[in-house]
Amino acid sequence: VQSFYAMDFLLKYEITSYLLTDYLSDEHLSQIVDTSKKENIVAYNPK
């Protein structure tokens, strides 16, 4: 399972699972963000 949420879901049915989470790509982990350039924007996913 990728999350504790999924692990808890399976436990409700007495099913044991093993955690195997994912990770972000290096481009997101190593990016340098200048917060002084941020604008008063609220981003959202319409889906």
All heavy atoms as atom14 arrays in JSON, in Angstrom:
{
  "sequence": "VQSFYAMDFLLKYEITSYLLTDYLSDEHLSQIVDTSKKENIVAYNPK",
  "atom14_mask": [
    [1, 1, 1, 1, 1, 1, 1, 0, 0, 0, 0, 0, 0, 0],
    [1, 1, 1, 1, 1, 1, 1, 1, 1, 0, 0, 0, 0, 0],
    [1, 1, 1, 1, 1, 1, 0, 0, 0, 0, 0, 0, 0, 0],
    [1, 1, 1, 1, 1, 1, 1, 1, 1, 1, 1, 0, 0, 0],
    [1, 1, 1, 1, 1, 1, 1, 1, 1, 1, 1, 1, 0, 0],
    [1, 1, 1, 1, 1, 0, 0, 0, 0, 0, 0, 0, 0, 0],
    [1, 1, 1, 1, 1, 1, 1, 1, 0, 0, 0, 0, 0, 0],
    [1, 1, 1, 1, 1, 1, 1, 1, 0, 0, 0, 0, 0, 0],
    [1, 1, 1, 1, 1, 1, 1, 1, 1, 1, 1, 0, 0, 0],
    [1, 1, 1, 1, 1, 1, 1, 1, 0, 0, 0, 0, 0, 0],
    [1, 1, 1, 1, 1, 1, 1, 1, 0, 0, 0, 0, 0, 0],
    [1, 1, 1, 1, 1, 1, 1, 1, 1, 0, 0, 0, 0, 0],
    [1, 1, 1, 1, 1, 1, 1, 1, 1, 1, 1, 1, 0, 0],
    [1, 1, 1, 1, 1, 1, 1, 1, 1, 0, 0, 0, 0, 0],
    [1, 1, 1, 1, 1, 1, 1, 1, 0, 0, 0, 0, 0, 0],
    [1, 1, 1, 1, 1, 1, 1, 0, 0, 0, 0, 0, 0, 0],
    [1, 1, 1, 1, 1, 1, 0, 0, 0, 0, 0, 0, 0, 0],
    [1, 1, 1, 1, 1, 1, 1, 1, 1, 1, 1, 1, 0, 0],
    [1, 1, 1, 1, 1, 1, 1, 1, 0, 0, 0, 0, 0, 0],
    [1, 1, 1, 1, 1, 1, 1, 1, 0, 0, 0, 0, 0, 0],
    [1, 1, 1, 1, 1, 1, 1, 0, 0, 0, 0, 0, 0, 0],
    [1, 1, 1, 1, 1, 1, 1, 1, 0, 0, 0, 0, 0, 0],
    [1, 1, 1, 1, 1, 1, 1, 1, 1, 1, 1, 1, 0, 0],
    [1, 1, 1, 1, 1, 1, 1, 1, 0, 0, 0, 0, 0, 0],
    [1, 1, 1, 1, 1, 1, 0, 0, 0, 0, 0, 0, 0, 0],
    [1, 1, 1, 1, 1, 1, 1, 1, 0, 0, 0, 0, 0, 0],
    [1, 1, 1, 1, 1, 1, 1, 1, 1, 0, 0, 0, 0, 0],
    [1, 1, 1, 1, 1, 1, 1, 1, 1, 1, 0, 0, 0, 0],
    [1, 1, 1, 1, 1, 1, 1, 1, 0, 0, 0, 0, 0, 0],
    [1, 1, 1, 1, 1, 1, 0, 0, 0, 0, 0, 0, 0, 0],
    [1, 1, 1, 1, 1, 1, 1, 1, 1, 0, 0, 0, 0, 0],
    [1, 1, 1, 1, 1, 1, 1, 1, 0, 0, 0, 0, 0, 0],
    [1, 1, 1, 1, 1, 1, 1, 0, 0, 0, 0, 0, 0, 0],
    [1, 1, 1, 1, 1, 1, 1, 1, 0, 0, 0, 0, 0, 0],
    [1, 1, 1, 1, 1, 1, 1, 0, 0, 0, 0, 0, 0, 0],
    [1, 1, 1, 1, 1, 1, 0, 0, 0, 0, 0, 0, 0, 0],
    [1, 1, 1, 1, 1, 1, 1, 1, 1, 0, 0, 0, 0, 0],
    [1, 1, 1, 1, 1, 1, 1, 1, 1, 0, 0, 0, 0, 0],
    [1, 1, 1, 1, 1, 1, 1, 1, 1, 0, 0, 0, 0, 0],
    [1, 1, 1, 1, 1, 1, 1, 1, 0, 0, 0, 0, 0, 0],
    [1, 1, 1, 1, 1, 1, 1, 1, 0, 0, 0, 0, 0, 0],
    [1, 1, 1, 1, 1, 1, 1, 0, 0, 0, 0, 0, 0, 0],
    [1, 1, 1, 1, 1, 0, 0, 0, 0, 0, 0, 0, 0, 0],
    [1, 1, 1, 1, 1, 1, 1, 1, 1, 1, 1, 1, 0, 0],
    [1, 1, 1, 1, 1, 1, 1, 1, 0, 0, 0, 0, 0, 0],
    [1, 1, 1, 1, 1, 1, 1, 0, 0, 0, 0, 0, 0, 0],
    [1, 1, 1, 1, 1, 1, 1, 1, 1, 0, 0, 0, 0, 0]
  ],
  "atom14_positions": [
    [[0.84, -1.2, 0.0], [0.0, 0.0, 0.0], [0.87, 1.25, 0.0], [1.97, 1.25, 0.54], [-0.96, 0.02, 1.21], [-2.0, -1.09, 1.09], [-0.21, -0.1, 2.53], [0.0, 0.0, 0.0], [0.0, 0.0, 0.0], [0.0, 0.0, 0.0], [0.0, 0.0, 0.0], [0.0, 0.0, 0.0], [0.0, 0.0, 0.0], [0.0, 0.0, 0.0]],
    [[0.34, 2.3, -0.59], [1.1, 3.54, -0.75], [0.86, 4.52, 0.39], [1.55, 5.51, 0.52], [0.7, 4.15, -2.1], [1.45, 5.39, -2.52], [0.61, 6.65, -2.36], [-0.47, 6.63, -1.76], [1.12, 7.76, -2.87], [0.0, 0.0, 0.0], [0.0, 0.0, 0.0], [0.0, 0.0, 0.0], [0.0, 0.0, 0.0], [0.0, 0.0, 0.0]],
    [[-0.12, 4.21, 1.26], [-0.46, 5.15, 2.34], [-0.93, 4.4, 3.58], [-1.37, 3.24, 3.5], [-1.56, 6.1, 1.87], [-2.76, 5.38, 1.63], [0.0, 0.0, 0.0], [0.0, 0.0, 0.0], [0.0, 0.0, 0.0], [0.0, 0.0, 0.0], [0.0, 0.0, 0.0], [0.0, 0.0, 0.0], [0.0, 0.0, 0.0], [0.0, 0.0, 0.0]],
    [[-0.85, 5.08, 4.71], [-1.4, 4.53, 5.95], [-2.92, 4.42, 5.84], [-3.53, 3.54, 6.44], [-1.01, 5.4, 7.14], [0.42, 5.21, 7.58], [1.43, 6.02, 7.06], [0.77, 4.23, 8.49], [2.75, 5.85, 7.45], [2.07, 4.05, 8.88], [3.07, 4.86, 8.36], [0.0, 0.0, 0.0], [0.0, 0.0, 0.0], [0.0, 0.0, 0.0]],
    [[-3.51, 5.32, 5.1], [-4.96, 5.28, 4.89], [-5.38, 3.95, 4.26], [-6.34, 3.31, 4.71], [-5.38, 6.45, 4.0], [-6.83, 6.43, 3.57], [-7.86, 6.65, 4.49], [-7.17, 6.19, 2.25], [-9.19, 6.63, 4.1], [-8.5, 6.17, 1.85], [-9.51, 6.39, 2.78], [-10.81, 6.36, 2.38], [0.0, 0.0, 0.0], [0.0, 0.0, 0.0]],
    [[-4.66, 3.52, 3.23], [-4.96, 2.24, 2.58], [-4.68, 1.08, 3.52], [-5.43, 0.1, 3.55], [-4.13, 2.1, 1.3], [0.0, 0.0, 0.0], [0.0, 0.0, 0.0], [0.0, 0.0, 0.0], [0.0, 0.0, 0.0], [0.0, 0.0, 0.0], [0.0, 0.0, 0.0], [0.0, 0.0, 0.0], [0.0, 0.0, 0.0], [0.0, 0.0, 0.0]],
    [[-3.62, 1.19, 4.3], [-3.29, 0.14, 5.27], [-4.41, -0.02, 6.29], [-4.83, -1.14, 6.62], [-1.97, 0.48, 5.97], [-1.49, -0.58, 6.95], [0.12, -0.15, 7.68], [1.21, -0.6, 6.33], [0.0, 0.0, 0.0], [0.0, 0.0, 0.0], [0.0, 0.0, 0.0], [0.0, 0.0, 0.0], [0.0, 0.0, 0.0], [0.0, 0.0, 0.0]],
    [[-4.92, 1.09, 6.79], [-6.02, 1.05, 7.75], [-7.28, 0.46, 7.14], [-8.02, -0.27, 7.79], [-6.32, 2.46, 8.29], [-5.25, 2.96, 9.25], [-4.49, 2.12, 9.78], [-5.18, 4.17, 9.49], [0.0, 0.0, 0.0], [0.0, 0.0, 0.0], [0.0, 0.0, 0.0], [0.0, 0.0, 0.0], [0.0, 0.0, 0.0], [0.0, 0.0, 0.0]],
    [[-7.52, 0.79, 5.87], [-8.7, 0.25, 5.18], [-8.64, -1.27, 5.13], [-9.62, -1.96, 5.45], [-8.78, 0.82, 3.75], [-9.87, 0.22, 2.92], [-11.18, 0.68, 3.04], [-9.6, -0.82, 2.04], [-12.2, 0.11, 2.28], [-10.61, -1.4, 1.28], [-11.92, -0.92, 1.4], [0.0, 0.0, 0.0], [0.0, 0.0, 0.0], [0.0, 0.0, 0.0]],
    [[-7.49, -1.82, 4.77], [-7.36, -3.28, 4.69], [-7.43, -3.93, 6.07], [-7.97, -5.03, 6.22], [-6.04, -3.65, 4.0], [-5.99, -3.35, 2.49], [-4.61, -3.66, 1.93], [-7.05, -4.14, 1.73], [0.0, 0.0, 0.0], [0.0, 0.0, 0.0], [0.0, 0.0, 0.0], [0.0, 0.0, 0.0], [0.0, 0.0, 0.0], [0.0, 0.0, 0.0]],
    [[-6.92, -3.23, 7.07], [-6.96, -3.78, 8.43], [-8.39, -3.97, 8.92], [-8.65, -4.86, 9.73], [-6.2, -2.87, 9.4], [-4.69, -3.12, 9.53], [-4.07, -2.08, 10.46], [-4.42, -4.53, 10.03], [0.0, 0.0, 0.0], [0.0, 0.0, 0.0], [0.0, 0.0, 0.0], [0.0, 0.0, 0.0], [0.0, 0.0, 0.0], [0.0, 0.0, 0.0]],
    [[-9.3, -3.16, 8.43], [-10.71, -3.31, 8.81], [-11.27, -4.66, 8.36], [-12.24, -5.17, 8.92], [-11.56, -2.18, 8.19], [-11.27, -0.82, 8.82], [-12.02, 0.28, 8.1], [-11.65, 1.64, 8.66], [-12.27, 2.75, 7.91], [0.0, 0.0, 0.0], [0.0, 0.0, 0.0], [0.0, 0.0, 0.0], [0.0, 0.0, 0.0], [0.0, 0.0, 0.0]],
    [[-10.62, -5.24, 7.36], [-11.01, -6.57, 6.87], [-10.0, -7.63, 7.32], [-9.96, -8.73, 6.76], [-11.1, -6.55, 5.34], [-12.18, -5.63, 4.82], [-11.9, -4.31, 4.5], [-13.49, -6.08, 4.68], [-12.89, -3.46, 4.03], [-14.49, -5.24, 4.21], [-14.19, -3.93, 3.88], [-15.18, -3.08, 3.42], [0.0, 0.0, 0.0], [0.0, 0.0, 0.0]],
    [[-9.2, -7.25, 8.33], [-8.19, -8.14, 8.9], [-7.18, -8.61, 7.86], [-6.73, -9.76, 7.86], [-8.85, -9.34, 9.61], [-9.75, -8.9, 10.76], [-10.38, -10.08, 11.49], [-10.25, -11.23, 11.01], [-10.98, -9.85, 12.54], [0.0, 0.0, 0.0], [0.0, 0.0, 0.0], [0.0, 0.0, 0.0], [0.0, 0.0, 0.0], [0.0, 0.0, 0.0]],
    [[-6.85, -7.71, 6.95], [-5.86, -8.0, 5.91], [-4.59, -7.21, 6.2], [-4.63, -5.99, 6.34], [-6.4, -7.63, 4.51], [-7.62, -8.49, 4.17], [-5.32, -7.79, 3.45], [-8.3, -8.1, 2.88], [0.0, 0.0, 0.0], [0.0, 0.0, 0.0], [0.0, 0.0, 0.0], [0.0, 0.0, 0.0], [0.0, 0.0, 0.0], [0.0, 0.0, 0.0]],
    [[-3.49, -7.93, 6.3], [-2.2, -7.29, 6.56], [-1.61, -6.77, 5.25], [-1.73, -7.41, 4.2], [-1.22, -8.3, 7.19], [-1.8, -8.78, 8.4], [0.12, -7.66, 7.48], [0.0, 0.0, 0.0], [0.0, 0.0, 0.0], [0.0, 0.0, 0.0], [0.0, 0.0, 0.0], [0.0, 0.0, 0.0], [0.0, 0.0, 0.0], [0.0, 0.0, 0.0]],
    [[-0.98, -5.62, 5.32], [-0.33, -5.06, 4.13], [1.02, -4.46, 4.52], [1.32, -4.28, 5.69], [-1.22, -4.0, 3.49], [-1.49, -2.95, 4.4], [0.0, 0.0, 0.0], [0.0, 0.0, 0.0], [0.0, 0.0, 0.0], [0.0, 0.0, 0.0], [0.0, 0.0, 0.0], [0.0, 0.0, 0.0], [0.0, 0.0, 0.0], [0.0, 0.0, 0.0]],
    [[1.79, -4.16, 3.51], [3.13, -3.6, 3.72], [3.21, -2.24, 3.05], [2.76, -2.07, 1.91], [4.2, -4.53, 3.15], [4.12, -5.92, 3.73], [3.45, -6.93, 3.05], [4.69, -6.21, 4.97], [3.37, -8.21, 3.59], [4.61, -7.48, 5.52], [3.94, -8.48, 4.82], [3.84, -9.73, 5.35], [0.0, 0.0, 0.0], [0.0, 0.0, 0.0]],
    [[3.8, -1.31, 3.74], [3.89, 0.06, 3.24], [4.98, 0.16, 2.18], [6.11, -0.27, 2.37], [4.2, 1.0, 4.42], [3.88, 2.48, 4.24], [2.39, 2.69, 4.0], [4.32, 3.26, 5.47], [0.0, 0.0, 0.0], [0.0, 0.0, 0.0], [0.0, 0.0, 0.0], [0.0, 0.0, 0.0], [0.0, 0.0, 0.0], [0.0, 0.0, 0.0]],
    [[4.61, 0.72, 1.04], [5.57, 1.01, -0.02], [5.15, 2.34, -0.64], [4.43, 2.41, -1.63], [5.59, -0.09, -1.09], [6.68, 0.05, -2.15], [8.07, -0.05, -1.53], [6.51, -0.99, -3.24], [0.0, 0.0, 0.0], [0.0, 0.0, 0.0], [0.0, 0.0, 0.0], [0.0, 0.0, 0.0], [0.0, 0.0, 0.0], [0.0, 0.0, 0.0]],
    [[5.57, 3.41, -0.01], [5.17, 4.75, -0.45], [6.0, 5.17, -1.66], [7.03, 4.56, -1.97], [5.37, 5.77, 0.68], [6.73, 5.75, 1.1], [4.48, 5.43, 1.88], [0.0, 0.0, 0.0], [0.0, 0.0, 0.0], [0.0, 0.0, 0.0], [0.0, 0.0, 0.0], [0.0, 0.0, 0.0], [0.0, 0.0, 0.0], [0.0, 0.0, 0.0]],
    [[5.56, 6.2, -2.34], [6.3, 6.68, -3.49], [7.06, 7.96, -3.12], [7.11, 8.34, -1.94], [5.37, 6.9, -4.68], [4.29, 7.93, -4.39], [4.33, 8.57, -3.31], [3.4, 8.12, -5.24], [0.0, 0.0, 0.0], [0.0, 0.0, 0.0], [0.0, 0.0, 0.0], [0.0, 0.0, 0.0], [0.0, 0.0, 0.0], [0.0, 0.0, 0.0]],
    [[7.61, 8.6, -4.12], [8.36, 9.84, -3.86], [8.32, 10.72, -5.1], [8.05, 10.25, -6.21], [9.81, 9.53, -3.46], [10.54, 8.62, -4.43], [11.26, 9.15, -5.5], [10.51, 7.24, -4.28], [11.92, 8.33, -6.4], [11.17, 6.41, -5.16], [11.87, 6.96, -6.22], [12.52, 6.14, -7.11], [0.0, 0.0, 0.0], [0.0, 0.0, 0.0]],
    [[8.59, 12.0, -4.9], [8.59, 12.96, -6.0], [9.88, 12.86, -6.8], [10.91, 12.42, -6.28], [8.42, 14.38, -5.47], [7.14, 14.7, -4.71], [7.14, 16.17, -4.29], [5.89, 14.41, -5.55], [0.0, 0.0, 0.0], [0.0, 0.0, 0.0], [0.0, 0.0, 0.0], [0.0, 0.0, 0.0], [0.0, 0.0, 0.0], [0.0, 0.0, 0.0]],
    [[9.83, 13.31, -8.04], [11.04, 13.34, -8.86], [11.99, 14.42, -8.36], [11.59, 15.37, -7.66], [10.67, 13.6, -10.33], [10.06, 14.87, -10.46], [0.0, 0.0, 0.0], [0.0, 0.0, 0.0], [0.0, 0.0, 0.0], [0.0, 0.0, 0.0], [0.0, 0.0, 0.0], [0.0, 0.0, 0.0], [0.0, 0.0, 0.0], [0.0, 0.0, 0.0]],
    [[13.24, 14.29, -8.74], [14.28, 15.2, -8.26], [14.01, 16.66, -8.63], [14.41, 17.57, -7.91], [15.65, 14.79, -8.8], [16.16, 13.52, -8.14], [15.67, 13.18, -7.04], [17.04, 12.85, -8.72], [0.0, 0.0, 0.0], [0.0, 0.0, 0.0], [0.0, 0.0, 0.0], [0.0, 0.0, 0.0], [0.0, 0.0, 0.0], [0.0, 0.0, 0.0]],
    [[13.33, 16.87, -9.76], [13.07, 18.25, -10.18], [12.23, 19.01, -9.16], [12.37, 20.22, -9.0], [12.38, 18.29, -11.55], [11.0, 17.65, -11.56], [10.42, 17.53, -12.95], [9.92, 18.55, -13.47], [10.47, 16.43, -13.51], [0.0, 0.0, 0.0], [0.0, 0.0, 0.0], [0.0, 0.0, 0.0], [0.0, 0.0, 0.0], [0.0, 0.0, 0.0]],
    [[11.36, 18.29, -8.45], [10.55, 18.92, -7.41], [11.32, 19.03, -6.09], [11.13, 19.99, -5.34], [9.26, 18.13, -7.19], [8.35, 18.12, -8.38], [7.67, 19.23, -8.79], [8.04, 17.14, -9.25], [6.96, 18.94, -9.87], [7.17, 17.68, -10.17], [0.0, 0.0, 0.0], [0.0, 0.0, 0.0], [0.0, 0.0, 0.0], [0.0, 0.0, 0.0]],
    [[12.16, 18.06, -5.84], [12.88, 18.03, -4.57], [14.03, 19.02, -4.53], [14.41, 19.49, -3.45], [13.4, 16.61, -4.3], [12.34, 15.51, -4.22], [13.0, 14.15, -4.0], [11.33, 15.79, -3.11], [0.0, 0.0, 0.0], [0.0, 0.0, 0.0], [0.0, 0.0, 0.0], [0.0, 0.0, 0.0], [0.0, 0.0, 0.0], [0.0, 0.0, 0.0]],
    [[14.59, 19.32, -5.69], [15.79, 20.17, -5.72], [15.51, 21.6, -6.19], [16.44, 22.4, -6.28], [16.85, 19.54, -6.62], [16.36, 19.42, -7.94], [0.0, 0.0, 0.0], [0.0, 0.0, 0.0], [0.0, 0.0, 0.0], [0.0, 0.0, 0.0], [0.0, 0.0, 0.0], [0.0, 0.0, 0.0], [0.0, 0.0, 0.0], [0.0, 0.0, 0.0]],
    [[14.26, 21.9, -6.47], [13.95, 23.23, -7.01], [14.24, 24.33, -5.98], [14.11, 24.13, -4.77], [12.49, 23.31, -7.46], [11.48, 23.18, -6.34], [10.05, 23.18, -6.85], [9.66, 24.04, -7.63], [9.28, 22.2, -6.41], [0.0, 0.0, 0.0], [0.0, 0.0, 0.0], [0.0, 0.0, 0.0], [0.0, 0.0, 0.0], [0.0, 0.0, 0.0]],
    [[14.66, 25.46, -6.47], [14.91, 26.62, -5.63], [13.81, 27.65, -5.92], [13.68, 28.11, -7.06], [16.3, 27.23, -5.9], [17.39, 26.2, -5.57], [16.5, 28.5, -5.09], [18.78, 26.62, -5.99], [0.0, 0.0, 0.0], [0.0, 0.0, 0.0], [0.0, 0.0, 0.0], [0.0, 0.0, 0.0], [0.0, 0.0, 0.0], [0.0, 0.0, 0.0]],
    [[13.03, 27.95, -4.91], [11.88, 28.85, -5.09], [12.15, 30.16, -4.37], [12.46, 30.17, -3.18], [10.59, 28.2, -4.54], [9.41, 29.14, -4.72], [10.33, 26.87, -5.23], [0.0, 0.0, 0.0], [0.0, 0.0, 0.0], [0.0, 0.0, 0.0], [0.0, 0.0, 0.0], [0.0, 0.0, 0.0], [0.0, 0.0, 0.0], [0.0, 0.0, 0.0]],
    [[12.03, 31.24, -5.1], [12.18, 32.58, -4.53], [10.8, 33.04, -4.04], [9.96, 33.45, -4.83], [12.73, 33.54, -5.58], [13.0, 34.94, -5.03], [12.64, 35.2, -3.86], [13.57, 35.76, -5.77], [0.0, 0.0, 0.0], [0.0, 0.0, 0.0], [0.0, 0.0, 0.0], [0.0, 0.0, 0.0], [0.0, 0.0, 0.0], [0.0, 0.0, 0.0]],
    [[10.57, 32.93, -2.74], [9.24, 33.25, -2.2], [8.9, 34.74, -2.34], [7.73, 35.1, -2.29], [9.12, 32.84, -0.72], [10.16, 33.46, 0.03], [9.21, 31.32, -0.57], [0.0, 0.0, 0.0], [0.0, 0.0, 0.0], [0.0, 0.0, 0.0], [0.0, 0.0, 0.0], [0.0, 0.0, 0.0], [0.0, 0.0, 0.0], [0.0, 0.0, 0.0]],
    [[9.91, 35.58, -2.55], [9.62, 37.0, -2.72], [8.9, 37.27, -4.05], [8.3, 38.33, -4.24], [10.92, 37.82, -2.67], [11.72, 37.58, -3.82], [0.0, 0.0, 0.0], [0.0, 0.0, 0.0], [0.0, 0.0, 0.0], [0.0, 0.0, 0.0], [0.0, 0.0, 0.0], [0.0, 0.0, 0.0], [0.0, 0.0, 0.0], [0.0, 0.0, 0.0]],
    [[8.94, 36.31, -4.96], [8.29, 36.46, -6.26], [6.89, 35.85, -6.28], [6.21, 35.87, -7.3], [9.15, 35.84, -7.35], [10.47, 36.58, -7.57], [11.27, 35.96, -8.69], [12.57, 36.75, -8.9], [13.41, 36.15, -9.98], [0.0, 0.0, 0.0], [0.0, 0.0, 0.0], [0.0, 0.0, 0.0], [0.0, 0.0, 0.0], [0.0, 0.0, 0.0]],
    [[6.47, 35.31, -5.14], [5.15, 34.71, -5.1], [4.06, 35.79, -5.12], [4.25, 36.88, -4.6], [5.0, 33.84, -3.84], [5.69, 32.47, -4.0], [5.33, 31.55, -2.87], [5.84, 30.14, -3.12], [5.04, 29.4, -4.09], [0.0, 0.0, 0.0], [0.0, 0.0, 0.0], [0.0, 0.0, 0.0], [0.0, 0.0, 0.0], [0.0, 0.0, 0.0]],
    [[2.94, 35.42, -5.73], [1.82, 36.34, -5.85], [0.65, 35.84, -5.0], [0.66, 34.7, -4.53], [1.39, 36.44, -7.32], [2.51, 36.9, -8.25], [2.13, 36.8, -9.72], [0.91, 36.81, -10.02], [3.04, 36.7, -10.56], [0.0, 0.0, 0.0], [0.0, 0.0, 0.0], [0.0, 0.0, 0.0], [0.0, 0.0, 0.0], [0.0, 0.0, 0.0]],
    [[-0.33, 36.71, -4.79], [-1.5, 36.32, -3.99], [-2.44, 35.45, -4.82], [-3.54, 35.85, -5.18], [-2.22, 37.56, -3.47], [-1.47, 38.21, -2.32], [-0.55, 37.63, -1.76], [-1.84, 39.43, -1.99], [0.0, 0.0, 0.0], [0.0, 0.0, 0.0], [0.0, 0.0, 0.0], [0.0, 0.0, 0.0], [0.0, 0.0, 0.0], [0.0, 0.0, 0.0]],
    [[-1.95, 34.25, -5.12], [-2.69, 33.29, -5.94], [-2.99, 32.05, -5.12], [-2.13, 31.55, -4.39], [-1.88, 32.9, -7.2], [-1.71, 34.09, -8.13], [-2.54, 31.72, -7.92], [-0.79, 33.83, -9.31], [0.0, 0.0, 0.0], [0.0, 0.0, 0.0], [0.0, 0.0, 0.0], [0.0, 0.0, 0.0], [0.0, 0.0, 0.0], [0.0, 0.0, 0.0]],
    [[-4.22, 31.56, -5.25], [-4.62, 30.29, -4.65], [-4.82, 29.31, -5.8], [-5.76, 29.45, -6.6], [-5.92, 30.42, -3.84], [-6.32, 29.07, -3.25], [-5.75, 31.46, -2.73], [0.0, 0.0, 0.0], [0.0, 0.0, 0.0], [0.0, 0.0, 0.0], [0.0, 0.0, 0.0], [0.0, 0.0, 0.0], [0.0, 0.0, 0.0], [0.0, 0.0, 0.0]],
    [[-3.94, 28.33, -5.92], [-4.05, 27.33, -6.98], [-4.93, 26.17, -6.51], [-4.95, 25.84, -5.32], [-2.66, 26.82, -7.37], [0.0, 0.0, 0.0], [0.0, 0.0, 0.0], [0.0, 0.0, 0.0], [0.0, 0.0, 0.0], [0.0, 0.0, 0.0], [0.0, 0.0, 0.0], [0.0, 0.0, 0.0], [0.0, 0.0, 0.0], [0.0, 0.0, 0.0]],
    [[-5.64, 25.57, -7.46], [-6.49, 24.44, -7.1], [-6.69, 23.53, -8.3], [-6.53, 23.94, -9.46], [-7.86, 24.92, -6.58], [-8.75, 25.54, -7.63], [-9.72, 24.79, -8.31], [-8.63, 26.9, -7.96], [-10.54, 25.38, -9.28], [-9.43, 27.48, -8.92], [-10.38, 26.72, -9.58], [-11.18, 27.3, -10.55], [0.0, 0.0, 0.0], [0.0, 0.0, 0.0]],
    [[-7.02, 22.27, -8.02], [-7.31, 21.29, -9.05], [-8.82, 21.17, -9.17], [-9.48, 20.69, -8.24], [-6.69, 19.94, -8.66], [-6.88, 18.88, -9.73], [-7.69, 19.03, -10.64], [-6.12, 17.8, -9.62], [0.0, 0.0, 0.0], [0.0, 0.0, 0.0], [0.0, 0.0, 0.0], [0.0, 0.0, 0.0], [0.0, 0.0, 0.0], [0.0, 0.0, 0.0]],
    [[-9.42, 21.59, -10.29], [-10.89, 21.58, -10.42], [-11.49, 20.17, -10.43], [-12.71, 20.02, -10.32], [-11.14, 22.3, -11.74], [-9.87, 22.14, -12.51], [-8.77, 22.13, -11.49], [0.0, 0.0, 0.0], [0.0, 0.0, 0.0], [0.0, 0.0, 0.0], [0.0, 0.0, 0.0], [0.0, 0.0, 0.0], [0.0, 0.0, 0.0], [0.0, 0.0, 0.0]],
    [[-10.64, 19.15, -10.54], [-11.14, 17.77, -10.54], [-11.25, 17.21, -9.13], [-11.7, 16.08, -8.94], [-10.22, 16.88, -11.38], [-10.21, 17.25, -12.86], [-9.26, 16.36, -13.63], [-9.25, 16.75, -15.1], [-8.28, 15.93, -15.88], [0.0, 0.0, 0.0], [0.0, 0.0, 0.0], [0.0, 0.0, 0.0], [0.0, 0.0, 0.0], [0.0, 0.0, 0.0]]
  ]
}
